[in-house]
N, C-alpha and C. Protein backbone atom coordinates (compact mmCIF):
# COMPACT_ATOMS: atom_id res chain seq x y z
N MET A 1 58.14 99.20 149.24
CA MET A 1 57.65 98.56 150.43
C MET A 1 58.76 98.59 151.47
N THR A 2 58.39 98.76 152.71
CA THR A 2 59.34 98.82 153.79
C THR A 2 59.93 97.44 154.06
N ALA A 3 61.22 97.39 154.26
CA ALA A 3 61.87 96.12 154.59
C ALA A 3 61.50 95.73 156.01
N PRO A 4 61.48 94.44 156.32
CA PRO A 4 61.16 94.02 157.67
C PRO A 4 62.19 94.56 158.66
N THR A 5 61.75 94.79 159.88
CA THR A 5 62.64 95.27 160.92
C THR A 5 63.76 94.26 161.12
N GLN A 6 65.01 94.73 161.15
CA GLN A 6 66.17 93.85 161.28
C GLN A 6 66.05 93.01 162.55
N GLY A 7 66.18 91.72 162.44
CA GLY A 7 66.12 90.83 163.59
C GLY A 7 64.70 90.49 164.02
N MET A 8 63.71 91.16 163.50
CA MET A 8 62.31 90.92 163.88
C MET A 8 61.44 90.90 162.62
N PRO A 9 61.78 90.06 161.62
CA PRO A 9 61.06 90.12 160.35
C PRO A 9 59.61 89.67 160.43
N TYR A 10 59.21 89.03 161.53
CA TYR A 10 57.84 88.53 161.60
C TYR A 10 57.05 89.26 162.67
N SER A 11 57.37 90.52 162.86
CA SER A 11 56.63 91.38 163.76
C SER A 11 55.80 92.31 162.90
N PRO A 12 54.67 92.75 163.38
CA PRO A 12 54.08 92.52 164.69
C PRO A 12 53.43 91.13 164.76
N ALA A 13 53.15 90.69 165.97
CA ALA A 13 52.50 89.40 166.15
C ALA A 13 51.09 89.46 165.56
N PRO A 14 50.61 88.37 164.97
CA PRO A 14 49.26 88.36 164.41
C PRO A 14 48.19 88.82 165.40
N VAL A 15 48.32 88.46 166.67
CA VAL A 15 47.32 88.89 167.65
C VAL A 15 47.30 90.41 167.78
N GLU A 16 48.47 91.08 167.65
CA GLU A 16 48.52 92.54 167.68
C GLU A 16 47.84 93.14 166.46
N VAL A 17 48.06 92.53 165.31
CA VAL A 17 47.43 93.02 164.07
C VAL A 17 45.91 92.92 164.19
N VAL A 18 45.42 91.78 164.66
CA VAL A 18 43.97 91.57 164.76
C VAL A 18 43.36 92.51 165.80
N ALA A 19 44.04 92.75 166.90
CA ALA A 19 43.54 93.71 167.89
C ALA A 19 43.45 95.11 167.27
N PHE A 20 44.43 95.47 166.45
CA PHE A 20 44.40 96.76 165.76
C PHE A 20 43.22 96.83 164.80
N ILE A 21 42.97 95.76 164.04
CA ILE A 21 41.82 95.72 163.14
C ILE A 21 40.53 95.87 163.95
N GLY A 22 40.46 95.21 165.09
CA GLY A 22 39.30 95.34 165.97
C GLY A 22 39.09 96.78 166.42
N ARG A 23 40.18 97.49 166.72
CA ARG A 23 40.06 98.91 167.12
C ARG A 23 39.57 99.75 165.94
N ILE A 24 40.07 99.47 164.75
CA ILE A 24 39.59 100.22 163.57
C ILE A 24 38.09 100.00 163.40
N LEU A 25 37.67 98.74 163.43
CA LEU A 25 36.25 98.43 163.20
C LEU A 25 35.37 98.81 164.38
N GLY A 26 35.98 99.11 165.52
CA GLY A 26 35.22 99.58 166.68
C GLY A 26 34.74 101.01 166.54
N HIS A 27 35.29 101.72 165.57
CA HIS A 27 34.87 103.09 165.28
C HIS A 27 33.86 103.07 164.13
N GLU A 28 32.96 104.02 164.14
CA GLU A 28 32.07 104.16 162.97
C GLU A 28 32.96 104.56 161.79
N TRP A 29 32.72 103.92 160.64
CA TRP A 29 33.55 104.18 159.46
C TRP A 29 33.40 105.65 159.06
N PRO A 30 34.50 106.37 158.86
CA PRO A 30 34.42 107.79 158.52
C PRO A 30 33.93 108.01 157.08
N HIS A 31 33.05 108.99 156.92
CA HIS A 31 32.50 109.28 155.58
C HIS A 31 32.81 110.70 155.13
N SER A 32 33.77 111.34 155.77
CA SER A 32 34.24 112.65 155.32
C SER A 32 35.71 112.77 155.73
N GLU A 33 36.38 113.75 155.17
CA GLU A 33 37.79 113.95 155.51
C GLU A 33 37.93 114.30 156.99
N ALA A 34 37.05 115.14 157.51
CA ALA A 34 37.12 115.51 158.93
C ALA A 34 36.93 114.29 159.83
N GLU A 35 35.99 113.43 159.48
CA GLU A 35 35.77 112.21 160.26
C GLU A 35 36.98 111.28 160.16
N ARG A 36 37.56 111.17 158.97
CA ARG A 36 38.74 110.32 158.79
C ARG A 36 39.88 110.79 159.68
N VAL A 37 40.13 112.09 159.68
CA VAL A 37 41.20 112.65 160.51
C VAL A 37 40.93 112.35 161.98
N ARG A 38 39.69 112.53 162.43
CA ARG A 38 39.33 112.27 163.83
C ARG A 38 39.57 110.81 164.19
N VAL A 39 39.11 109.89 163.34
CA VAL A 39 39.28 108.45 163.61
C VAL A 39 40.75 108.07 163.57
N PHE A 40 41.49 108.54 162.56
CA PHE A 40 42.91 108.23 162.49
C PHE A 40 43.63 108.70 163.75
N GLU A 41 43.33 109.93 164.20
CA GLU A 41 43.97 110.45 165.41
C GLU A 41 43.61 109.59 166.62
N ALA A 42 42.35 109.20 166.75
CA ALA A 42 41.92 108.37 167.88
C ALA A 42 42.63 107.03 167.89
N LEU A 43 42.97 106.51 166.72
CA LEU A 43 43.64 105.22 166.60
C LEU A 43 45.17 105.33 166.60
N GLY A 44 45.68 106.55 166.64
CA GLY A 44 47.13 106.73 166.61
C GLY A 44 47.73 106.57 165.22
N MET A 45 46.90 106.69 164.19
CA MET A 45 47.39 106.57 162.81
C MET A 45 47.70 107.97 162.29
N HIS A 46 48.69 108.05 161.42
CA HIS A 46 49.10 109.34 160.88
C HIS A 46 49.43 109.19 159.40
N SER A 47 48.90 110.12 158.61
CA SER A 47 49.21 110.14 157.19
C SER A 47 49.96 111.43 156.89
N PRO A 48 51.22 111.34 156.45
CA PRO A 48 51.97 112.55 156.17
C PRO A 48 51.45 113.32 154.95
N GLN A 49 50.63 112.66 154.13
CA GLN A 49 50.05 113.33 152.96
C GLN A 49 48.56 113.50 153.20
N ARG A 50 48.03 114.61 152.67
CA ARG A 50 46.60 114.86 152.83
C ARG A 50 45.98 115.04 151.45
N PRO A 51 44.77 114.54 151.29
CA PRO A 51 44.08 114.75 150.01
C PRO A 51 43.66 116.20 149.87
N THR A 52 43.30 116.57 148.66
CA THR A 52 42.78 117.92 148.45
C THR A 52 41.46 118.06 149.20
N GLU A 53 41.09 119.27 149.52
CA GLU A 53 39.85 119.51 150.26
C GLU A 53 38.62 119.44 149.36
N ASP A 54 38.80 119.62 148.06
CA ASP A 54 37.68 119.60 147.13
C ASP A 54 37.34 118.16 146.76
N ALA A 55 36.16 117.71 147.22
CA ALA A 55 35.77 116.32 146.98
C ALA A 55 35.66 116.00 145.50
N GLU A 56 35.29 116.97 144.67
CA GLU A 56 35.19 116.71 143.23
C GLU A 56 36.57 116.56 142.60
N GLU A 57 37.55 117.33 143.10
CA GLU A 57 38.92 117.18 142.62
C GLU A 57 39.50 115.85 143.06
N ASN A 58 39.15 115.46 144.26
CA ASN A 58 39.72 114.26 144.88
C ASN A 58 38.85 113.05 144.54
N ILE A 59 38.87 112.63 143.30
CA ILE A 59 38.08 111.48 142.88
C ILE A 59 38.59 110.23 143.57
N GLY A 60 39.86 110.09 143.70
CA GLY A 60 40.43 108.95 144.40
C GLY A 60 41.91 109.15 144.57
N GLY A 61 42.49 108.42 145.46
CA GLY A 61 43.92 108.53 145.66
C GLY A 61 44.38 107.54 146.70
N ILE A 62 45.69 107.35 146.76
CA ILE A 62 46.30 106.44 147.72
C ILE A 62 47.39 107.22 148.44
N TRP A 63 47.39 107.14 149.77
CA TRP A 63 48.36 107.87 150.57
C TRP A 63 49.05 106.95 151.55
N VAL A 64 50.27 107.31 151.94
CA VAL A 64 51.04 106.57 152.94
C VAL A 64 50.36 106.72 154.29
N LEU A 65 50.47 105.69 155.12
CA LEU A 65 49.85 105.70 156.44
C LEU A 65 50.83 105.13 157.45
N LYS A 66 50.98 105.80 158.57
CA LYS A 66 51.78 105.29 159.69
C LYS A 66 50.80 104.71 160.70
N VAL A 67 51.01 103.47 161.09
CA VAL A 67 50.09 102.80 162.02
C VAL A 67 50.81 102.45 163.32
N PRO A 68 50.07 102.44 164.44
CA PRO A 68 50.70 102.20 165.75
C PRO A 68 50.83 100.72 166.09
N LEU A 69 51.60 100.00 165.31
CA LEU A 69 51.91 98.61 165.63
C LEU A 69 53.36 98.55 166.10
N TRP A 70 53.70 97.53 166.85
CA TRP A 70 55.02 97.44 167.47
C TRP A 70 56.14 97.51 166.45
N ALA A 71 55.98 96.88 165.33
CA ALA A 71 57.01 96.88 164.28
C ALA A 71 56.61 97.87 163.19
N GLU A 72 57.58 98.24 162.39
CA GLU A 72 57.30 99.11 161.25
C GLU A 72 56.51 98.32 160.21
N VAL A 73 55.40 98.89 159.79
CA VAL A 73 54.52 98.24 158.82
C VAL A 73 54.26 99.21 157.68
N ASP A 74 54.40 98.74 156.46
CA ASP A 74 54.06 99.54 155.29
C ASP A 74 52.54 99.53 155.19
N ALA A 75 51.94 100.71 155.15
CA ALA A 75 50.48 100.81 155.11
C ALA A 75 50.07 101.92 154.16
N ARG A 76 48.87 101.81 153.63
CA ARG A 76 48.30 102.81 152.72
C ARG A 76 46.83 102.98 153.06
N TRP A 77 46.29 104.13 152.67
CA TRP A 77 44.85 104.32 152.74
C TRP A 77 44.42 104.97 151.44
N SER A 78 43.19 104.74 151.06
CA SER A 78 42.69 105.34 149.82
C SER A 78 41.31 105.91 150.05
N SER A 79 40.99 106.90 149.22
CA SER A 79 39.70 107.56 149.35
C SER A 79 39.05 107.68 147.98
N PHE A 80 37.77 107.97 148.02
CA PHE A 80 37.00 108.19 146.80
C PHE A 80 36.02 109.31 147.11
N ARG A 81 36.13 110.40 146.35
CA ARG A 81 35.27 111.57 146.53
C ARG A 81 35.21 112.02 147.98
N GLY A 82 36.38 112.07 148.60
CA GLY A 82 36.49 112.62 149.94
C GLY A 82 36.20 111.66 151.07
N SER A 83 35.86 110.41 150.78
CA SER A 83 35.55 109.44 151.83
C SER A 83 36.57 108.30 151.83
N LEU A 84 36.93 107.86 153.03
CA LEU A 84 37.85 106.74 153.18
C LEU A 84 37.21 105.48 152.62
N VAL A 85 37.92 104.81 151.73
CA VAL A 85 37.44 103.55 151.16
C VAL A 85 38.16 102.37 151.79
N LEU A 86 39.48 102.48 151.93
CA LEU A 86 40.30 101.30 152.18
C LEU A 86 41.53 101.65 153.01
N ILE A 87 41.86 100.77 153.94
CA ILE A 87 43.14 100.80 154.65
C ILE A 87 43.83 99.49 154.33
N THR A 88 45.09 99.56 153.91
CA THR A 88 45.84 98.36 153.52
C THR A 88 47.13 98.27 154.33
N LEU A 89 47.38 97.10 154.90
CA LEU A 89 48.63 96.82 155.61
C LEU A 89 49.41 95.78 154.81
N PHE A 90 50.70 96.00 154.62
CA PHE A 90 51.59 95.04 153.97
C PHE A 90 52.44 94.43 155.09
N LEU A 91 52.25 93.15 155.34
CA LEU A 91 52.83 92.50 156.50
C LEU A 91 53.84 91.41 156.13
N TYR A 92 54.90 91.33 156.90
CA TYR A 92 55.90 90.26 156.82
C TYR A 92 56.56 90.13 155.45
N PRO A 93 56.97 91.23 154.81
CA PRO A 93 57.57 91.13 153.48
C PRO A 93 58.91 90.39 153.50
N GLN A 94 59.11 89.56 152.50
CA GLN A 94 60.35 88.82 152.34
C GLN A 94 60.78 88.90 150.88
N PRO A 95 62.09 88.97 150.62
CA PRO A 95 62.58 89.16 149.25
C PRO A 95 62.61 87.90 148.40
N SER A 96 61.96 86.84 148.83
CA SER A 96 61.94 85.62 148.02
C SER A 96 60.51 85.15 147.85
N GLU A 97 60.27 84.38 146.79
CA GLU A 97 58.92 83.89 146.57
C GLU A 97 58.66 82.63 147.40
N GLN A 98 57.40 82.43 147.69
CA GLN A 98 56.92 81.27 148.45
C GLN A 98 57.71 81.04 149.73
N HIS A 99 57.88 82.12 150.47
CA HIS A 99 58.62 82.07 151.73
C HIS A 99 57.77 81.33 152.76
N PRO A 100 58.26 80.23 153.34
CA PRO A 100 57.43 79.40 154.22
C PRO A 100 56.91 80.13 155.46
N GLN A 101 57.71 81.05 156.03
CA GLN A 101 57.24 81.75 157.21
C GLN A 101 56.11 82.72 156.89
N VAL A 102 56.08 83.27 155.68
CA VAL A 102 54.98 84.15 155.30
C VAL A 102 53.69 83.34 155.18
N LEU A 103 53.78 82.14 154.61
CA LEU A 103 52.61 81.25 154.57
C LEU A 103 52.15 80.88 155.98
N GLU A 104 53.10 80.65 156.88
CA GLU A 104 52.74 80.36 158.27
C GLU A 104 52.03 81.55 158.91
N LYS A 105 52.50 82.76 158.64
CA LYS A 105 51.87 83.96 159.19
C LYS A 105 50.47 84.13 158.63
N PHE A 106 50.26 83.76 157.35
CA PHE A 106 48.91 83.80 156.79
C PHE A 106 48.00 82.91 157.63
N ALA A 107 48.43 81.68 157.89
CA ALA A 107 47.61 80.74 158.66
C ALA A 107 47.35 81.27 160.07
N GLU A 108 48.37 81.84 160.70
CA GLU A 108 48.20 82.40 162.04
C GLU A 108 47.21 83.57 162.03
N LEU A 109 47.36 84.47 161.06
CA LEU A 109 46.45 85.62 160.98
C LEU A 109 45.03 85.17 160.69
N ARG A 110 44.88 84.22 159.79
CA ARG A 110 43.54 83.71 159.48
C ARG A 110 42.90 83.12 160.74
N THR A 111 43.66 82.36 161.51
CA THR A 111 43.14 81.78 162.76
C THR A 111 42.77 82.88 163.75
N GLU A 112 43.63 83.87 163.91
CA GLU A 112 43.35 84.97 164.84
C GLU A 112 42.12 85.77 164.41
N LEU A 113 42.00 86.07 163.12
CA LEU A 113 40.83 86.80 162.62
C LEU A 113 39.56 85.98 162.83
N SER A 114 39.64 84.68 162.59
CA SER A 114 38.48 83.80 162.76
C SER A 114 38.07 83.71 164.22
N THR A 115 39.03 83.70 165.12
CA THR A 115 38.74 83.65 166.55
C THR A 115 38.15 84.97 167.02
N TYR A 116 38.72 86.08 166.57
CA TYR A 116 38.29 87.41 167.01
C TYR A 116 36.93 87.77 166.44
N PHE A 117 36.70 87.49 165.17
CA PHE A 117 35.46 87.87 164.50
C PHE A 117 34.56 86.65 164.28
N SER A 118 34.89 85.85 163.31
CA SER A 118 34.13 84.65 162.95
C SER A 118 34.92 83.98 161.82
N PRO A 119 34.52 82.77 161.42
CA PRO A 119 35.21 82.17 160.27
C PRO A 119 35.03 83.06 159.03
N PRO A 120 35.94 82.97 158.08
CA PRO A 120 35.82 83.79 156.87
C PRO A 120 34.52 83.50 156.13
N THR A 121 33.98 84.53 155.49
CA THR A 121 32.78 84.36 154.68
C THR A 121 33.11 83.77 153.31
N GLU A 122 34.39 83.86 152.93
CA GLU A 122 34.82 83.32 151.64
C GLU A 122 36.32 83.04 151.69
N THR A 123 36.74 81.97 151.05
CA THR A 123 38.16 81.68 150.87
C THR A 123 38.38 81.31 149.40
N TRP A 124 39.56 81.56 148.90
CA TRP A 124 39.89 81.22 147.52
C TRP A 124 41.41 81.20 147.38
N GLY A 125 41.88 81.02 146.19
CA GLY A 125 43.31 80.99 145.93
C GLY A 125 43.84 79.57 145.91
N THR A 126 45.14 79.47 146.03
CA THR A 126 45.82 78.18 146.00
C THR A 126 46.52 77.97 147.34
N GLU A 127 47.09 76.79 147.50
CA GLU A 127 47.84 76.51 148.73
C GLU A 127 49.02 77.47 148.87
N ALA A 128 49.64 77.83 147.76
CA ALA A 128 50.79 78.74 147.79
C ALA A 128 50.39 80.20 147.87
N MET A 129 49.18 80.54 147.43
CA MET A 129 48.72 81.93 147.44
C MET A 129 47.26 81.99 147.90
N PRO A 130 47.03 81.69 149.19
CA PRO A 130 45.66 81.67 149.69
C PRO A 130 45.12 83.07 149.96
N ALA A 131 43.79 83.15 150.05
CA ALA A 131 43.11 84.41 150.36
C ALA A 131 41.83 84.10 151.14
N ALA A 132 41.40 85.07 151.94
CA ALA A 132 40.18 84.90 152.73
C ALA A 132 39.52 86.26 152.93
N ARG A 133 38.20 86.24 153.07
CA ARG A 133 37.42 87.47 153.26
C ARG A 133 36.46 87.28 154.43
N TRP A 134 36.35 88.33 155.24
CA TRP A 134 35.38 88.40 156.32
C TRP A 134 34.48 89.60 156.07
N THR A 135 33.19 89.45 156.30
CA THR A 135 32.26 90.57 156.26
C THR A 135 31.89 90.86 157.71
N ILE A 136 32.19 92.08 158.14
CA ILE A 136 31.97 92.48 159.52
C ILE A 136 31.15 93.75 159.49
N GLY A 137 29.85 93.62 159.69
CA GLY A 137 28.97 94.78 159.58
C GLY A 137 28.99 95.31 158.17
N THR A 138 29.28 96.61 158.02
CA THR A 138 29.33 97.24 156.70
C THR A 138 30.73 97.21 156.10
N CYS A 139 31.64 96.53 156.77
CA CYS A 139 33.04 96.51 156.32
C CYS A 139 33.46 95.12 155.88
N GLY A 140 34.47 95.09 155.06
CA GLY A 140 35.09 93.84 154.65
C GLY A 140 36.54 93.83 155.10
N VAL A 141 37.02 92.67 155.47
CA VAL A 141 38.43 92.47 155.80
C VAL A 141 38.91 91.36 154.87
N GLU A 142 39.96 91.63 154.11
CA GLU A 142 40.50 90.64 153.18
C GLU A 142 41.97 90.41 153.50
N LEU A 143 42.37 89.15 153.45
CA LEU A 143 43.74 88.74 153.71
C LEU A 143 44.23 87.95 152.51
N TYR A 144 45.33 88.41 151.92
CA TYR A 144 45.92 87.76 150.75
C TYR A 144 47.36 87.40 151.06
N CYS A 145 47.81 86.28 150.53
CA CYS A 145 49.22 85.90 150.60
C CYS A 145 49.77 85.95 149.18
N PHE A 146 50.66 86.90 148.93
CA PHE A 146 51.30 87.01 147.63
C PHE A 146 52.68 86.38 147.73
N ASN A 147 53.05 85.59 146.74
CA ASN A 147 54.32 84.88 146.79
C ASN A 147 55.17 85.03 145.55
N LYS A 148 54.85 85.96 144.67
CA LYS A 148 55.67 86.18 143.48
C LYS A 148 55.66 87.66 143.16
N PRO A 149 56.75 88.29 142.88
CA PRO A 149 58.11 87.79 142.94
C PRO A 149 58.65 87.75 144.37
N ASN A 150 58.00 88.47 145.30
CA ASN A 150 58.38 88.45 146.71
C ASN A 150 57.21 87.90 147.51
N SER A 151 57.44 87.63 148.77
CA SER A 151 56.37 87.14 149.65
C SER A 151 55.93 88.27 150.57
N VAL A 152 54.61 88.45 150.70
CA VAL A 152 54.05 89.46 151.59
C VAL A 152 52.59 89.13 151.85
N LEU A 153 52.10 89.50 153.02
CA LEU A 153 50.67 89.41 153.30
C LEU A 153 50.07 90.78 153.11
N LEU A 154 48.92 90.82 152.49
CA LEU A 154 48.18 92.05 152.26
C LEU A 154 46.89 91.94 153.05
N LEU A 155 46.67 92.87 153.98
CA LEU A 155 45.46 92.87 154.80
C LEU A 155 44.72 94.17 154.52
N CYS A 156 43.49 94.07 154.04
CA CYS A 156 42.70 95.23 153.64
C CYS A 156 41.44 95.33 154.49
N ILE A 157 41.10 96.55 154.90
CA ILE A 157 39.85 96.83 155.61
C ILE A 157 39.15 97.88 154.76
N GLU A 158 37.90 97.60 154.35
CA GLU A 158 37.22 98.52 153.45
C GLU A 158 35.76 98.70 153.81
N ASP A 159 35.23 99.86 153.42
CA ASP A 159 33.79 100.11 153.47
C ASP A 159 33.22 99.44 152.22
N LEU A 160 32.43 98.39 152.41
CA LEU A 160 31.98 97.58 151.27
C LEU A 160 31.15 98.37 150.27
N GLN A 161 30.22 99.18 150.74
CA GLN A 161 29.36 99.93 149.82
C GLN A 161 30.17 100.96 149.04
N LEU A 162 31.01 101.72 149.72
CA LEU A 162 31.80 102.73 149.03
C LEU A 162 32.80 102.09 148.07
N ALA A 163 33.34 100.94 148.42
CA ALA A 163 34.26 100.23 147.53
C ALA A 163 33.55 99.83 146.23
N ARG A 164 32.30 99.38 146.34
CA ARG A 164 31.53 99.03 145.13
C ARG A 164 31.28 100.26 144.26
N VAL A 165 30.94 101.39 144.89
CA VAL A 165 30.69 102.63 144.15
C VAL A 165 31.98 103.09 143.45
N ALA A 166 33.10 103.06 144.17
CA ALA A 166 34.38 103.48 143.60
C ALA A 166 34.79 102.57 142.43
N GLU A 167 34.57 101.27 142.59
CA GLU A 167 34.91 100.34 141.52
C GLU A 167 34.03 100.57 140.30
N ALA A 168 32.74 100.80 140.50
CA ALA A 168 31.84 101.07 139.37
C ALA A 168 32.25 102.35 138.65
N ALA A 169 32.65 103.37 139.40
CA ALA A 169 33.10 104.63 138.79
C ALA A 169 34.38 104.41 137.99
N ALA A 170 35.29 103.60 138.51
CA ALA A 170 36.54 103.31 137.79
C ALA A 170 36.26 102.57 136.49
N VAL A 171 35.33 101.62 136.54
CA VAL A 171 34.96 100.87 135.33
C VAL A 171 34.32 101.81 134.32
N ALA A 172 33.42 102.67 134.78
CA ALA A 172 32.75 103.62 133.88
C ALA A 172 33.75 104.59 133.26
N ASP A 173 34.72 105.04 134.05
CA ASP A 173 35.74 105.96 133.54
C ASP A 173 36.65 105.32 132.50
N SER A 174 36.83 104.00 132.59
CA SER A 174 37.73 103.32 131.65
C SER A 174 37.01 102.82 130.40
N ALA A 175 35.68 102.95 130.38
CA ALA A 175 34.91 102.49 129.22
C ALA A 175 35.20 103.39 128.02
N PRO A 176 35.24 102.81 126.81
CA PRO A 176 35.53 103.62 125.61
C PRO A 176 34.43 104.60 125.29
């Protein structure tokens, strides 16, 4: 995971992150590699790694993603059978558990997401490790606060239907 930018460990601002999520969800979710490339380019996102072109070979995978936020953010994207399933941002990483500023950033991001979209459709977790989910059209946005062994916020944007299909395939593949 990328270390926080020196002197600016709590960048980007939550409002910048939420505006970026809004731009992602403002595009029709890509359902092919060509569409993914087009949407990523339109959003200023860049992945130095590319999946194989054969959708049958490319059952699933996770690749590094560069995102256009003011601060350096560790990000990943994953696909299933040639279609984008998930974009994940790792925000505000700190090398200690239960870092109070990371919990504060969770609260700020949750408030910004609720203001921009709507209140979360579901919340769970504990006071030290809260989580929330929003359903926005055909997509889900999930925010998690992890506090062990390090502190970090995990923000995921996914195609809900494709995520269910990918999860079912993973379960079927792991069955004896």
